[in-house]
C-alpha atoms as a PDB file:
ATOM      1  CA  MET A   1       2.730  -7.912  -6.698  1.00  0.00           C
ATOM      2  CA  GLU A   2       1.851  -6.377 -10.002  1.00  0.00           C
ATOM      3  CA  SER A   3       4.143  -4.050 -11.869  1.00  0.00           C
ATOM      4  CA  GLY A   4       3.291  -0.394 -11.898  1.00  0.00           C
ATOM      5  CA  ALA A   5       3.155   2.482  -9.443  1.00  0.00           C
ATOM      6  CA  TYR A   6       2.952   1.346  -5.812  1.00  0.00           C
ATOM      7  CA  GLY A   7       2.245  -2.270  -6.597  1.00  0.00           C
ATOM      8  CA  ALA A   8      -0.771  -1.643  -8.854  1.00  0.00           C
ATOM      9  CA  SER A   9      -1.006  -2.011 -12.613  1.00  0.00           C
ATOM     10  CA  LEU A  10      -1.053   1.002 -14.868  1.00  0.00           C
ATOM     11  CA  ALA A  11      -4.338   2.885 -15.042  1.00  0.00           C
ATOM     12  CA  GLY A  12      -6.738   2.209 -17.872  1.00  0.00           C
ATOM     13  CA  GLY A  13      -7.015  -1.571 -17.681  1.00  0.00           C
ATOM     14  CA  ALA A  14     -10.221  -3.470 -17.034  1.00  0.00           C
ATOM     15  CA  PHE A  15     -10.939  -4.620 -13.480  1.00  0.00           C
ATOM     16  CA  ASP A  16     -10.436  -8.383 -13.095  1.00  0.00           C
ATOM     17  CA  LEU A  17     -12.545  -9.549 -10.147  1.00  0.00           C
ATOM     18  CA  VAL A  18     -11.205 -13.122 -10.150  1.00  0.00           C
ATOM     19  CA  HIS A  19      -7.603 -11.943 -10.113  1.00  0.00           C
ATOM     20  CA  PHE A  20      -8.361  -9.407  -7.377  1.00  0.00           C
ATOM     21  CA  VAL A  21     -10.020 -12.000  -5.147  1.00  0.00           C
ATOM     22  CA  LYS A  22      -7.107 -14.432  -5.554  1.00  0.00           C
ATOM     23  CA  GLN A  23      -4.491 -11.892  -4.494  1.00  0.00           C
ATOM     24  CA  SER A  24      -2.710 -12.669  -1.225  1.00  0.00           C
ATOM     25  CA  GLN A  25      -3.413  -9.199   0.123  1.00  0.00           C
ATOM     26  CA  THR A  26      -7.136  -9.519  -0.584  1.00  0.00           C
ATOM     27  CA  VAL A  27      -7.330 -12.926   1.102  1.00  0.00           C
ATOM     28  CA  THR A  28      -5.431 -11.684   4.155  1.00  0.00           C
ATOM     29  CA  ARG A  29      -7.591  -8.595   4.447  1.00  0.00           C
ATOM     30  CA  PHE A  30     -10.741 -10.712   4.216  1.00  0.00           C
ATOM     31  CA  LEU A  31      -9.451 -12.988   6.988  1.00  0.00           C
ATOM     32  CA  SER A  32      -8.717  -9.930   9.128  1.00  0.00           C
ATOM     33  CA  TRP A  33     -12.288  -8.827   8.515  1.00  0.00           C
ATOM     34  CA  ILE A  34     -13.612 -12.215   9.716  1.00  0.00           C
ATOM     35  CA  PHE A  35     -11.366 -12.205  12.792  1.00  0.00           C
ATOM     36  CA  ALA A  36     -12.614  -8.753  13.755  1.00  0.00           C
ATOM     37  CA  ILE A  37     -16.242  -9.878  13.477  1.00  0.00           C
ATOM     38  CA  VAL A  38     -15.590 -12.877  15.725  1.00  0.00           C
ATOM     39  CA  VAL A  39     -13.946 -10.711  18.401  1.00  0.00           C
ATOM     40  CA  PHE A  40     -16.451  -7.880  18.734  1.00  0.00           C
ATOM     41  CA  ALA A  41     -19.539 -10.017  18.000  1.00  0.00           C
ATOM     42  CA  THR A  42     -18.581 -12.606  20.608  1.00  0.00           C
ATOM     43  CA  ILE A  43     -17.914  -9.968  23.251  1.00  0.00           C
ATOM     44  CA  THR A  44     -21.133  -8.089  22.598  1.00  0.00           C
ATOM     45  CA  GLY A  45     -23.172 -11.296  22.401  1.00  0.00           C
ATOM     46  CA  GLU A  46     -21.694 -13.415  25.203  1.00  0.00           C
ATOM     47  CA  GLY A  47     -19.054 -11.273  26.867  1.00  0.00           C
ATOM     48  CA  TYR A  48     -21.302  -9.666  29.495  1.00  0.00           C
ATOM     49  CA  ILE A  49     -22.788 -11.860  32.210  1.00  0.00           C
ATOM     50  CA  ASN A  50     -25.427 -11.256  34.884  1.00  0.00           C
ATOM     51  CA  PRO A  51     -26.008 -14.475  36.852  1.00  0.00           C
ATOM     52  CA  THR A  52     -28.449 -12.998  39.407  1.00  0.00           C
ATOM     53  CA  ARG A  53     -30.137 -10.727  36.850  1.00  0.00           C
ATOM     54  CA  THR A  54     -30.364  -8.098  39.550  1.00  0.00           C
ATOM     55  CA  GLN A  55     -27.060  -6.338  38.958  1.00  0.00           C
ATOM     56  CA  VAL A  56     -25.511  -4.636  35.979  1.00  0.00           C
ATOM     57  CA  ALA A  57     -23.977  -7.088  33.486  1.00  0.00           C
ATOM     58  CA  MET A  58     -20.248  -7.488  33.944  1.00  0.00           C
ATOM     59  CA  CYS A  59     -17.490  -8.418  31.534  1.00  0.00           C
ATOM     60  CA  MET A  60     -16.599 -12.092  31.487  1.00  0.00           C
ATOM     61  CA  PHE A  61     -12.892 -11.190  31.552  1.00  0.00           C
ATOM     62  CA  ASN A  62     -12.444 -10.843  35.309  1.00  0.00           C
ATOM     63  CA  ASN A  63     -15.357  -8.364  35.492  1.00  0.00           C
ATOM     64  CA  ASN A  64     -13.121  -5.830  33.744  1.00  0.00           C
ATOM     65  CA  ASP A  65     -15.371  -3.651  31.609  1.00  0.00           C
ATOM     66  CA  HIS A  66     -12.359  -1.889  30.097  1.00  0.00           C
ATOM     67  CA  ALA A  67     -11.137  -5.176  28.618  1.00  0.00           C
ATOM     68  CA  CYS A  68     -14.472  -5.864  26.914  1.00  0.00           C
ATOM     69  CA  SER A  69     -14.847  -2.263  25.724  1.00  0.00           C
ATOM     70  CA  TYR A  70     -11.325  -2.250  24.304  1.00  0.00           C
ATOM     71  CA  GLY A  71     -11.875  -5.504  22.443  1.00  0.00           C
ATOM     72  CA  VAL A  72     -15.161  -4.288  20.957  1.00  0.00           C
ATOM     73  CA  ALA A  73     -13.683  -0.942  19.887  1.00  0.00           C
ATOM     74  CA  ILE A  74     -10.627  -2.485  18.226  1.00  0.00           C
ATOM     75  CA  GLY A  75     -12.747  -5.127  16.500  1.00  0.00           C
ATOM     76  CA  VAL A  76     -15.335  -2.695  15.146  1.00  0.00           C
ATOM     77  CA  LEU A  77     -12.718  -0.263  13.824  1.00  0.00           C
ATOM     78  CA  ALA A  78     -10.758  -3.120  12.243  1.00  0.00           C
ATOM     79  CA  PHE A  79     -13.969  -4.400  10.643  1.00  0.00           C
ATOM     80  CA  LEU A  80     -14.713  -0.985   9.096  1.00  0.00           C
ATOM     81  CA  ALA A  81     -11.098  -0.438   8.033  1.00  0.00           C
ATOM     82  CA  CYS A  82     -10.975  -3.759   6.198  1.00  0.00           C
ATOM     83  CA  MET A  83     -14.033  -2.787   4.171  1.00  0.00           C
ATOM     84  CA  VAL A  84     -12.563   0.619   3.307  1.00  0.00           C
ATOM     85  CA  PHE A  85      -9.162  -0.741   2.299  1.00  0.00           C
ATOM     86  CA  LEU A  86     -10.729  -3.552   0.272  1.00  0.00           C
ATOM     87  CA  ALA A  87     -12.558  -0.902  -1.757  1.00  0.00           C
ATOM     88  CA  LEU A  88      -9.358   1.134  -2.114  1.00  0.00           C
ATOM     89  CA  ASP A  89      -7.403  -1.944  -3.247  1.00  0.00           C
ATOM     90  CA  ALA A  90      -9.948  -2.491  -5.999  1.00  0.00           C
ATOM     91  CA  TYR A  91      -9.958   1.190  -6.974  1.00  0.00           C
ATOM     92  CA  LEU A  92      -6.181   1.731  -6.813  1.00  0.00           C
ATOM     93  CA  PRO A  93      -5.378   0.442 -10.355  1.00  0.00           C
ATOM     94  CA  GLN A  94      -7.860   2.946 -11.779  1.00  0.00           C
ATOM     95  CA  ILE A  95      -5.967   5.910 -10.287  1.00  0.00           C
ATOM     96  CA  SER A  96      -3.501   7.451 -12.732  1.00  0.00           C
ATOM     97  CA  ASN A  97      -2.029  10.001 -10.305  1.00  0.00           C
ATOM     98  CA  ALA A  98       1.026   8.539  -8.554  1.00  0.00           C
ATOM     99  CA  LYS A  99       0.667  10.952  -5.614  1.00  0.00           C
ATOM    100  CA  GLU A 100      -2.856   9.755  -4.875  1.00  0.00           C
ATOM    101  CA  ARG A 101      -1.638   6.165  -4.959  1.00  0.00           C
ATOM    102  CA  LYS A 102       1.130   7.104  -2.557  1.00  0.00           C
ATOM    103  CA  TYR A 103      -1.370   8.587  -0.083  1.00  0.00           C
ATOM    104  CA  ILE A 104      -3.479   5.415  -0.136  1.00  0.00           C
ATOM    105  CA  VAL A 105      -0.512   3.071   0.282  1.00  0.00           C
ATOM    106  CA  THR A 106       0.984   5.245   3.032  1.00  0.00           C
ATOM    107  CA  GLY A 107      -2.332   5.285   4.885  1.00  0.00           C
ATOM    108  CA  ASP A 108      -2.595   1.513   4.549  1.00  0.00           C
ATOM    109  CA  LEU A 109       0.937   1.071   5.876  1.00  0.00           C
ATOM    110  CA  ALA A 110       0.396   3.367   8.868  1.00  0.00           C
ATOM    111  CA  PHE A 111      -2.994   1.922   9.799  1.00  0.00           C
ATOM    112  CA  SER A 112      -1.918  -1.708   9.409  1.00  0.00           C
ATOM    113  CA  GLY A 113       1.164  -1.165  11.525  1.00  0.00           C
ATOM    114  CA  LEU A 114      -0.834   0.642  14.220  1.00  0.00           C
ATOM    115  CA  TRP A 115      -3.540  -2.023  14.325  1.00  0.00           C
ATOM    116  CA  THR A 116      -0.974  -4.786  14.569  1.00  0.00           C
ATOM    117  CA  PHE A 117       0.270  -3.129  17.740  1.00  0.00           C
ATOM    118  CA  LEU A 118      -3.254  -2.504  19.077  1.00  0.00           C
ATOM    119  CA  TRP A 119      -4.253  -6.130  18.468  1.00  0.00           C
ATOM    120  CA  PHE A 120      -1.156  -7.199  20.377  1.00  0.00           C
ATOM    121  CA  ILE A 121      -2.278  -5.075  23.328  1.00  0.00           C
ATOM    122  CA  CYS A 122      -5.791  -6.500  23.024  1.00  0.00           C
ATOM    123  CA  PHE A 123      -4.505 -10.065  23.085  1.00  0.00           C
ATOM    124  CA  CYS A 124      -2.268  -9.440  26.101  1.00  0.00           C
ATOM    125  CA  LEU A 125      -5.041  -7.647  27.981  1.00  0.00           C
ATOM    126  CA  LEU A 126      -7.738 -10.258  27.344  1.00  0.00           C
ATOM    127  CA  ALA A 127      -5.420 -13.207  27.981  1.00  0.00           C
ATOM    128  CA  HIS A 128      -4.231 -11.701  31.235  1.00  0.00           C
ATOM    129  CA  GLN A 129      -7.742 -10.864  32.454  1.00  0.00           C
ATOM    130  CA  TRP A 130      -8.998 -14.324  31.500  1.00  0.00           C
ATOM    131  CA  ALA A 131      -6.161 -15.906  33.503  1.00  0.00           C
ATOM    132  CA  LEU A 132      -7.247 -13.840  36.507  1.00  0.00           C
ATOM    133  CA  THR A 133     -10.904 -14.821  36.170  1.00  0.00           C
ATOM    134  CA  VAL A 134     -11.906 -17.034  39.090  1.00  0.00           C
ATOM    135  CA  ASN A 135     -15.618 -17.725  38.715  1.00  0.00           C
ATOM    136  CA  ARG A 136     -15.741 -19.425  35.302  1.00  0.00           C
ATOM    137  CA  ALA A 137     -18.767 -21.609  36.036  1.00  0.00           C
ATOM    138  CA  ALA A 138     -21.238 -18.981  34.871  1.00  0.00           C
ATOM    139  CA  ILE A 139     -19.086 -17.914  31.930  1.00  0.00           C
ATOM    140  CA  ALA A 140     -19.061 -19.282  28.411  1.00  0.00           C
ATOM    141  CA  ALA A 141     -15.456 -20.392  28.466  1.00  0.00           C
ATOM    142  CA  ASP A 142     -15.461 -21.322  24.789  1.00  0.00           C
ATOM    143  CA  ALA A 143     -16.505 -17.783  23.859  1.00  0.00           C
ATOM    144  CA  ALA A 144     -13.808 -16.203  26.003  1.00  0.00           C
ATOM    145  CA  GLN A 145     -11.132 -18.501  24.615  1.00  0.00           C
ATOM    146  CA  ALA A 146     -12.315 -17.798  21.055  1.00  0.00           C
ATOM    147  CA  VAL A 147     -11.973 -14.050  21.627  1.00  0.00           C
ATOM    148  CA  VAL A 148      -8.427 -14.497  22.923  1.00  0.00           C
ATOM    149  CA  ALA A 149      -7.495 -16.846  20.074  1.00  0.00           C
ATOM    150  CA  PHE A 150      -8.864 -14.635  17.299  1.00  0.00           C
ATOM    151  CA  SER A 151      -7.186 -11.616  18.842  1.00  0.00           C
ATOM    152  CA  PHE A 152      -3.920 -13.489  18.424  1.00  0.00           C
ATOM    153  CA  PHE A 153      -4.810 -14.440  14.841  1.00  0.00           C
ATOM    154  CA  SER A 154      -5.511 -10.769  14.148  1.00  0.00           C
ATOM    155  CA  ILE A 155      -1.977  -9.865  15.172  1.00  0.00           C
ATOM    156  CA  ILE A 156      -0.611 -12.209  12.521  1.00  0.00           C
ATOM    157  CA  SER A 157      -3.010 -11.132   9.763  1.00  0.00           C
ATOM    158  CA  TRP A 158      -2.461  -7.410  10.334  1.00  0.00           C
ATOM    159  CA  ALA A 159       1.300  -7.933  10.498  1.00  0.00           C
ATOM    160  CA  ILE A 160       1.102  -9.582   7.069  1.00  0.00           C
ATOM    161  CA  LEU A 161      -0.969  -6.655   5.789  1.00  0.00           C
ATOM    162  CA  THR A 162       1.696  -4.311   7.119  1.00  0.00           C
ATOM    163  CA  TYR A 163       4.312  -6.240   5.166  1.00  0.00           C
ATOM    164  CA  PHE A 164       2.259  -6.085   1.968  1.00  0.00           C
ATOM    165  CA  ALA A 165       1.742  -2.330   2.385  1.00  0.00           C
ATOM    166  CA  TYR A 166       5.443  -1.810   3.078  1.00  0.00           C
ATOM    167  CA  ARG A 167       6.385  -3.757  -0.044  1.00  0.00           C
ATOM    168  CA  ARG A 168       3.979  -1.708  -2.158  1.00  0.00           C
ATOM    169  CA  PHE A 169       5.343   1.490  -0.658  1.00  0.00           C
ATOM    170  CA  GLY A 170       8.884   0.352  -1.433  1.00  0.00           C
ATOM    171  CA  GLN A 171       8.005  -0.184  -5.079  1.00  0.00           C
ATOM    172  CA  GLY A 172       6.913   3.425  -5.440  1.00  0.00           C
ATOM    173  CA  VAL A 173       7.057   4.701  -8.996  1.00  0.00           C
ATOM    174  CA  GLY A 174      10.079   2.633  -9.964  1.00  0.00           C
ATOM    175  CA  ALA A 175       8.247   1.098 -12.921  1.00  0.00           C
ATOM    176  CA  PHE A 176       7.577   4.507 -14.412  1.00  0.00           C
ATOM    177  CA  GLU A 177      11.187   5.595 -13.959  1.00  0.00           C
ATOM    178  CA  GLN A 178      12.487   2.423 -15.600  1.00  0.00           C
ATOM    179  CA  ASP A 179      10.037   2.331 -18.489  1.00  0.00           C
ATOM    180  CA  TYR A 180      10.152   6.033 -19.337  1.00  0.00           C
ATOM    181  CA  ARG A 181      13.279   8.022 -20.107  1.00  0.00           C
ATOM    182  CA  ASP A 182      13.427  11.683 -20.889  1.00  0.00           C
ATOM    183  CA  PRO A 183      15.039  12.059 -24.352  1.00  0.00           C
ATOM    184  CA  ALA A 184      16.966  15.123 -23.185  1.00  0.00           C
ATOM    185  CA  ASN A 185      18.401  13.340 -20.165  1.00  0.00           C
ATOM    186  CA  ASP A 186      19.123  10.246 -22.197  1.00  0.00           C
ATOM    187  CA  GLN A 187      21.039  12.305 -24.755  1.00  0.00           C
ATOM    188  CA  ASN A 188      23.136  13.919 -22.020  1.00  0.00           C
ATOM    189  CA  ALA A 189      23.910  10.532 -20.491  1.00  0.00           C
ATOM    190  CA  HIS A 190      24.768   8.978 -23.887  1.00  0.00           C
ATOM    191  CA  PRO A 191      26.055  11.681 -26.259  1.00  0.00           C
ATOM    192  CA  SER A 192      25.650  11.165 -29.971  1.00  0.00           C
ATOM    193  CA  PRO A 193      28.800  10.054 -31.866  1.00  0.00           C
ATOM    194  CA  TYR A 194      28.057  12.555 -34.656  1.00  0.00           C
ATOM    195  CA  PRO A 195      29.130  16.218 -34.335  1.00  0.00           C
ATOM    196  CA  PRO A 196      26.319  18.777 -34.082  1.00  0.00           C
ATOM    197  CA  TYR A 197      25.204  20.608 -37.203  1.00  0.00           C
ATOM    198  CA  PRO A 198      26.731  24.125 -37.382  1.00  0.00           C
ATOM    199  CA  ASN A 199      24.343  26.905 -36.515  1.00  0.00           C
ATOM    200  CA  SER A 200      23.268  29.327 -39.205  1.00  0.00           C
ATOM    201  CA  GLY A 201      23.213  33.044 -38.743  1.00  0.00           C
ATOM    202  CA  PRO A 202      25.745  35.792 -38.068  1.00  0.00           C
ATOM    203  CA  GLU A 203      27.354  33.995 -35.133  1.00  0.00           C
ATOM    204  CA  GLY A 204      27.472  30.570 -36.744  1.00  0.00           C
ATOM    205  CA  TYR A 205      28.378  31.694 -40.274  1.00  0.00           C
ATOM    206  CA  GLN A 206      31.290  29.907 -41.855  1.00  0.00           C
ATOM    207  CA  GLN A 207      33.024  31.005 -45.026  1.00  0.00           C
ATOM    208  CA  SER A 208      32.909  28.586 -47.914  1.00  0.00           C
ATOM    209  CA  PRO A 209      36.131  26.552 -48.220  1.00  0.00           C
ATOM    210  CA  PHE A 210      36.289  27.204 -51.968  1.00  0.00           C
ATOM    211  CA  SER A 211      36.264  30.998 -51.817  1.00  0.00           C
ATOM    212  CA  ASN A 212      40.039  31.452 -51.405  1.00  0.00           C
ATOM    213  CA  ASN A 213      40.968  29.052 -54.210  1.00  0.00           C
ATOM    214  CA  GLN A 214      38.667  30.424 -56.901  1.00  0.00           C
ATOM    215  CA  GLU A 215      40.294  32.462 -59.718  1.00  0.00           C
ATOM    216  CA  GLN A 216      38.821  35.752 -60.753  1.00  0.00           C
ATOM    217  CA  PRO A 217      36.815  35.582 -64.021  1.00  0.00           C
ATOM    218  CA  GLY A 218      39.034  38.224 -65.719  1.00  0.00           C
ATOM    219  CA  GLU A 219      42.256  36.390 -65.067  1.00  0.00           C
ATOM    220  CA  TYR A 220      41.443  33.298 -67.119  1.00  0.00           C
ATOM    221  CA  GLN A 221      44.494  31.838 -68.950  1.00  0.00           C
ATOM    222  CA  PRO A 222      44.152  29.335 -71.786  1.00  0.00           C
ATOM    223  CA  PRO A 223      46.076  26.125 -71.468  1.00  0.00           C
ATOM    224  CA  THR A 224      49.310  25.685 -73.386  1.00  0.00           C
ATOM    225  CA  TYR A 225      49.664  22.815 -75.774  1.00  0.00           C
END
């Protein structure tokens, strides 16, 4: 992770596309985007079967339409979220306000954690319904197994994204607090070894130390030889 507020560099620098693409978080988010496409595209393309072509198409996962609908919904939302958060990851270093960065990182952490849990439910649901499916002759078994497999891969990728977001959230604004010190607070923590200069004015007036020792002009006495 880069130094700065919430894992991003300080605002004002030029955007480095090559560096952004090579980041672990960017690669993981892109993989999550691919996994989501495989899940919802496979279900919508090959997940509904109609062998007799006289009845309504049924879900290939044990004829459970809720399983197919859930997989499509989770995949589509994950696909859109990956695109949004990829754009926010690229835009985050350009934001100078630490509070705005905090909102983005907090939203990423909450969404990634929630979608890790929802992908886990999706995997369990699809795997269970596929195990209960009896008539697999008219079903594209490779497609069903791919959906189950990529649902499992999505759990791992979104869990990693949750970890990255948590680490960025933990960094917070620590870099600013370490690099910048308030002179007033620093002076209180480390007092100066020199005494303060006396104040001028009626309250801070001090009599000259030579006033009591001076002789009056009229009382001058010549020295004796």
